Structures are given as C-alpha cells and as structure tokens.
Amino acid sequence: MGDYREMVVSNPSVMMGKPVIAGTRITVELILEKLAAGETVEQILDAHLRLNQDAVRAALGFAAEALRADVIYPLETTSR
C-alpha cells in the first residue's frame, strides 16, 4: 500500500474537515461509498476528472489505517 498521507488532507474550512483528496473537495467518504455501491475505479475517475488511480488508492489506504485503530465497531447482525 502506498503512502496516502500527502494525498489525503483534512482542513476544517474544507468539507467541514472531512478527509479529502488534496487539491479537491472530493471526500474519502464519497470514494468509498461509490466503490461500495459497485462503481468501478474507471467510473469514478470518469465522473471526477481531478482524481487518478493513486487518489483512489490513497482513499483506501486512509480507510484501512483508520480502521486499524483499537476501536470496537458494533455491527448489528440479524439472525434468521
């Protein structure tokens, strides 16, 4: 996994401080939501011309590191 730290930034005056791709107002959250919804990287890049593959990888790297923290995430499960 490459180093995302230069590509993902947070500034309280940009998108309420959410992590974004540097030089854009495109949030890491948006990229992850689009991937989770089934969009391909190519579709995301076509829709957001300021992004490149490294930016998408940086969003994934940021998310992976954020989840690496020692935090319990309660997930509801349904038993059938």
N, C-alpha and C. Protein backbone atom coordinates (compact mmCIF):
# COMPACT_ATOMS: atom_id res chain seq x y z
N MET A 1 0.85 -1.17 0.00
CA MET A 1 0.00 0.00 0.00
C MET A 1 0.89 1.23 0.00
N GLY A 2 0.65 2.14 -0.90
CA GLY A 2 1.45 3.36 -0.98
C GLY A 2 1.15 4.31 0.16
N ASP A 3 1.93 5.35 0.25
CA ASP A 3 1.74 6.33 1.31
C ASP A 3 0.69 7.34 0.86
N TYR A 4 -0.42 7.38 1.57
CA TYR A 4 -1.53 8.26 1.20
C TYR A 4 -1.41 9.62 1.87
N ARG A 5 -0.51 9.79 2.83
CA ARG A 5 -0.52 10.95 3.71
C ARG A 5 -0.37 12.30 2.98
N GLU A 6 0.22 12.31 1.83
CA GLU A 6 0.32 13.57 1.08
C GLU A 6 -0.91 13.81 0.22
N MET A 7 -1.66 12.74 -0.05
CA MET A 7 -2.82 12.87 -0.94
C MET A 7 -4.13 13.09 -0.18
N VAL A 8 -4.21 12.64 1.05
CA VAL A 8 -5.43 12.80 1.85
C VAL A 8 -5.15 13.85 2.91
N VAL A 9 -5.97 14.90 2.90
CA VAL A 9 -5.78 16.00 3.83
C VAL A 9 -7.10 16.33 4.51
N SER A 10 -6.99 17.04 5.61
CA SER A 10 -8.18 17.48 6.34
C SER A 10 -7.98 18.92 6.77
N ASN A 11 -8.96 19.75 6.47
CA ASN A 11 -8.90 21.17 6.81
C ASN A 11 -10.31 21.56 7.28
N PRO A 12 -10.43 22.12 8.47
CA PRO A 12 -11.76 22.46 8.98
C PRO A 12 -12.58 23.36 8.06
N SER A 13 -11.93 24.13 7.19
CA SER A 13 -12.66 25.03 6.30
C SER A 13 -13.02 24.38 4.96
N VAL A 14 -12.65 23.12 4.78
CA VAL A 14 -12.98 22.41 3.53
C VAL A 14 -13.81 21.18 3.90
N MET A 15 -15.02 21.12 3.40
CA MET A 15 -15.92 19.98 3.61
C MET A 15 -16.06 19.63 5.09
N MET A 16 -16.12 20.67 5.93
CA MET A 16 -16.31 20.50 7.39
C MET A 16 -15.22 19.64 8.02
N GLY A 17 -14.03 19.65 7.42
CA GLY A 17 -12.91 18.92 7.99
C GLY A 17 -12.83 17.45 7.63
N LYS A 18 -13.76 16.98 6.80
CA LYS A 18 -13.70 15.58 6.38
C LYS A 18 -12.43 15.36 5.55
N PRO A 19 -11.85 14.18 5.61
CA PRO A 19 -10.67 13.90 4.77
C PRO A 19 -11.04 13.97 3.30
N VAL A 20 -10.24 14.72 2.55
CA VAL A 20 -10.45 14.89 1.11
C VAL A 20 -9.16 14.60 0.37
N ILE A 21 -9.28 14.40 -0.92
CA ILE A 21 -8.10 14.28 -1.77
C ILE A 21 -7.53 15.69 -1.94
N ALA A 22 -6.24 15.85 -1.69
CA ALA A 22 -5.59 17.16 -1.74
C ALA A 22 -5.89 17.87 -3.04
N GLY A 23 -6.21 19.16 -2.93
CA GLY A 23 -6.49 19.98 -4.10
C GLY A 23 -7.90 19.83 -4.64
N THR A 24 -8.73 19.04 -3.95
CA THR A 24 -10.11 18.84 -4.38
C THR A 24 -11.04 18.99 -3.19
N ARG A 25 -12.32 18.90 -3.46
CA ARG A 25 -13.32 18.82 -2.41
C ARG A 25 -13.98 17.45 -2.46
N ILE A 26 -13.26 16.48 -2.99
CA ILE A 26 -13.76 15.12 -3.11
C ILE A 26 -13.35 14.36 -1.86
N THR A 27 -14.35 13.91 -1.09
CA THR A 27 -14.06 13.27 0.19
C THR A 27 -13.70 11.80 0.01
N VAL A 28 -12.91 11.33 0.96
CA VAL A 28 -12.61 9.90 1.03
C VAL A 28 -13.92 9.13 1.16
N GLU A 29 -14.82 9.66 1.96
CA GLU A 29 -16.12 9.03 2.17
C GLU A 29 -16.85 8.80 0.84
N LEU A 30 -16.87 9.80 -0.02
CA LEU A 30 -17.54 9.67 -1.32
C LEU A 30 -16.92 8.56 -2.15
N ILE A 31 -15.60 8.52 -2.19
CA ILE A 31 -14.92 7.49 -2.97
C ILE A 31 -15.28 6.11 -2.45
N LEU A 32 -15.24 5.94 -1.14
CA LEU A 32 -15.57 4.64 -0.54
C LEU A 32 -17.03 4.26 -0.80
N GLU A 33 -17.93 5.23 -0.69
CA GLU A 33 -19.35 4.95 -0.95
C GLU A 33 -19.56 4.49 -2.38
N LYS A 34 -18.89 5.15 -3.33
CA LYS A 34 -19.04 4.77 -4.73
C LYS A 34 -18.50 3.37 -4.99
N LEU A 35 -17.35 3.05 -4.39
CA LEU A 35 -16.81 1.70 -4.55
C LEU A 35 -17.74 0.66 -3.93
N ALA A 36 -18.27 0.97 -2.74
CA ALA A 36 -19.18 0.04 -2.06
C ALA A 36 -20.47 -0.16 -2.85
N ALA A 37 -20.88 0.85 -3.60
CA ALA A 37 -22.09 0.76 -4.41
C ALA A 37 -21.87 -0.01 -5.70
N GLY A 38 -20.62 -0.39 -5.97
CA GLY A 38 -20.34 -1.19 -7.15
C GLY A 38 -19.73 -0.43 -8.31
N GLU A 39 -19.47 0.85 -8.13
CA GLU A 39 -18.83 1.59 -9.22
C GLU A 39 -17.39 1.11 -9.37
N THR A 40 -16.93 1.10 -10.58
CA THR A 40 -15.54 0.74 -10.82
C THR A 40 -14.66 1.97 -10.63
N VAL A 41 -13.38 1.73 -10.48
CA VAL A 41 -12.44 2.84 -10.38
C VAL A 41 -12.54 3.70 -11.63
N GLU A 42 -12.67 3.06 -12.78
CA GLU A 42 -12.76 3.81 -14.04
C GLU A 42 -13.99 4.72 -14.06
N GLN A 43 -15.12 4.23 -13.54
CA GLN A 43 -16.33 5.05 -13.50
C GLN A 43 -16.14 6.25 -12.57
N ILE A 44 -15.49 6.03 -11.45
CA ILE A 44 -15.23 7.12 -10.52
C ILE A 44 -14.31 8.15 -11.16
N LEU A 45 -13.27 7.69 -11.84
CA LEU A 45 -12.34 8.62 -12.50
C LEU A 45 -13.02 9.39 -13.61
N ASP A 46 -13.92 8.74 -14.34
CA ASP A 46 -14.65 9.43 -15.41
C ASP A 46 -15.57 10.52 -14.84
N ALA A 47 -16.14 10.27 -13.67
CA ALA A 47 -17.07 11.22 -13.06
C ALA A 47 -16.35 12.35 -12.34
N HIS A 48 -15.10 12.13 -11.94
CA HIS A 48 -14.34 13.11 -11.16
C HIS A 48 -12.97 13.27 -11.81
N LEU A 49 -12.90 14.16 -12.76
CA LEU A 49 -11.70 14.28 -13.59
C LEU A 49 -10.45 14.71 -12.82
N ARG A 50 -10.61 15.24 -11.62
CA ARG A 50 -9.44 15.66 -10.83
C ARG A 50 -8.82 14.50 -10.06
N LEU A 51 -9.46 13.34 -10.11
CA LEU A 51 -8.93 12.16 -9.43
C LEU A 51 -8.10 11.32 -10.38
N ASN A 52 -7.22 10.50 -9.81
CA ASN A 52 -6.49 9.50 -10.58
C ASN A 52 -6.46 8.22 -9.74
N GLN A 53 -5.88 7.17 -10.29
CA GLN A 53 -5.87 5.90 -9.57
C GLN A 53 -5.13 6.00 -8.25
N ASP A 54 -4.08 6.79 -8.19
CA ASP A 54 -3.36 6.97 -6.93
C ASP A 54 -4.26 7.59 -5.86
N ALA A 55 -5.14 8.49 -6.26
CA ALA A 55 -6.05 9.12 -5.30
C ALA A 55 -7.03 8.10 -4.73
N VAL A 56 -7.53 7.21 -5.58
CA VAL A 56 -8.45 6.18 -5.10
C VAL A 56 -7.72 5.23 -4.16
N ARG A 57 -6.50 4.86 -4.51
CA ARG A 57 -5.70 4.01 -3.62
C ARG A 57 -5.41 4.72 -2.30
N ALA A 58 -5.17 6.02 -2.36
CA ALA A 58 -4.92 6.79 -1.14
C ALA A 58 -6.16 6.77 -0.24
N ALA A 59 -7.34 6.89 -0.82
CA ALA A 59 -8.57 6.83 -0.03
C ALA A 59 -8.70 5.48 0.66
N LEU A 60 -8.39 4.42 -0.06
CA LEU A 60 -8.45 3.08 0.53
C LEU A 60 -7.40 2.91 1.62
N GLY A 61 -6.21 3.43 1.39
CA GLY A 61 -5.15 3.35 2.40
C GLY A 61 -5.52 4.09 3.66
N PHE A 62 -6.10 5.26 3.49
CA PHE A 62 -6.54 6.05 4.64
C PHE A 62 -7.59 5.28 5.43
N ALA A 63 -8.57 4.71 4.74
CA ALA A 63 -9.63 3.96 5.41
C ALA A 63 -9.07 2.75 6.15
N ALA A 64 -8.14 2.06 5.52
CA ALA A 64 -7.55 0.88 6.17
C ALA A 64 -6.82 1.27 7.44
N GLU A 65 -6.08 2.35 7.40
CA GLU A 65 -5.36 2.77 8.59
C GLU A 65 -6.32 3.27 9.67
N ALA A 66 -7.38 3.95 9.27
CA ALA A 66 -8.35 4.44 10.25
C ALA A 66 -9.01 3.27 10.98
N LEU A 67 -9.26 2.18 10.27
CA LEU A 67 -9.90 1.02 10.88
C LEU A 67 -8.92 0.18 11.69
N ARG A 68 -7.64 0.41 11.53
CA ARG A 68 -6.62 -0.33 12.25
C ARG A 68 -6.57 0.07 13.72
N ALA A 69 -7.15 1.19 14.07
CA ALA A 69 -7.15 1.66 15.46
C ALA A 69 -7.86 0.64 16.36
N ASP A 70 -7.49 0.65 17.62
CA ASP A 70 -8.09 -0.28 18.58
C ASP A 70 -9.45 0.22 19.04
N VAL A 71 -10.41 0.14 18.16
CA VAL A 71 -11.76 0.60 18.44
C VAL A 71 -12.71 -0.54 18.09
N ILE A 72 -13.72 -0.71 18.91
CA ILE A 72 -14.74 -1.72 18.62
C ILE A 72 -15.86 -1.05 17.85
N TYR A 73 -16.22 -1.63 16.73
CA TYR A 73 -17.29 -1.11 15.90
C TYR A 73 -18.49 -2.04 16.04
N PRO A 74 -19.49 -1.66 16.82
CA PRO A 74 -20.65 -2.55 16.97
C PRO A 74 -21.42 -2.64 15.67
N LEU A 75 -21.61 -3.83 15.21
CA LEU A 75 -22.36 -4.07 13.99
C LEU A 75 -23.58 -4.89 14.36
N GLU A 76 -24.71 -4.43 13.89
CA GLU A 76 -25.92 -5.21 14.15
C GLU A 76 -25.96 -6.38 13.19
N THR A 77 -26.32 -7.51 13.73
CA THR A 77 -26.49 -8.69 12.88
C THR A 77 -27.91 -9.17 13.08
N THR A 78 -28.44 -9.72 12.06
CA THR A 78 -29.77 -10.29 12.17
C THR A 78 -29.63 -11.80 12.03
N SER A 79 -30.25 -12.51 12.92
CA SER A 79 -30.21 -13.96 12.82
C SER A 79 -31.54 -14.43 12.28
N ARG A 80 -31.47 -15.29 11.35
CA ARG A 80 -32.69 -15.81 10.71
C ARG A 80 -32.71 -17.29 10.84
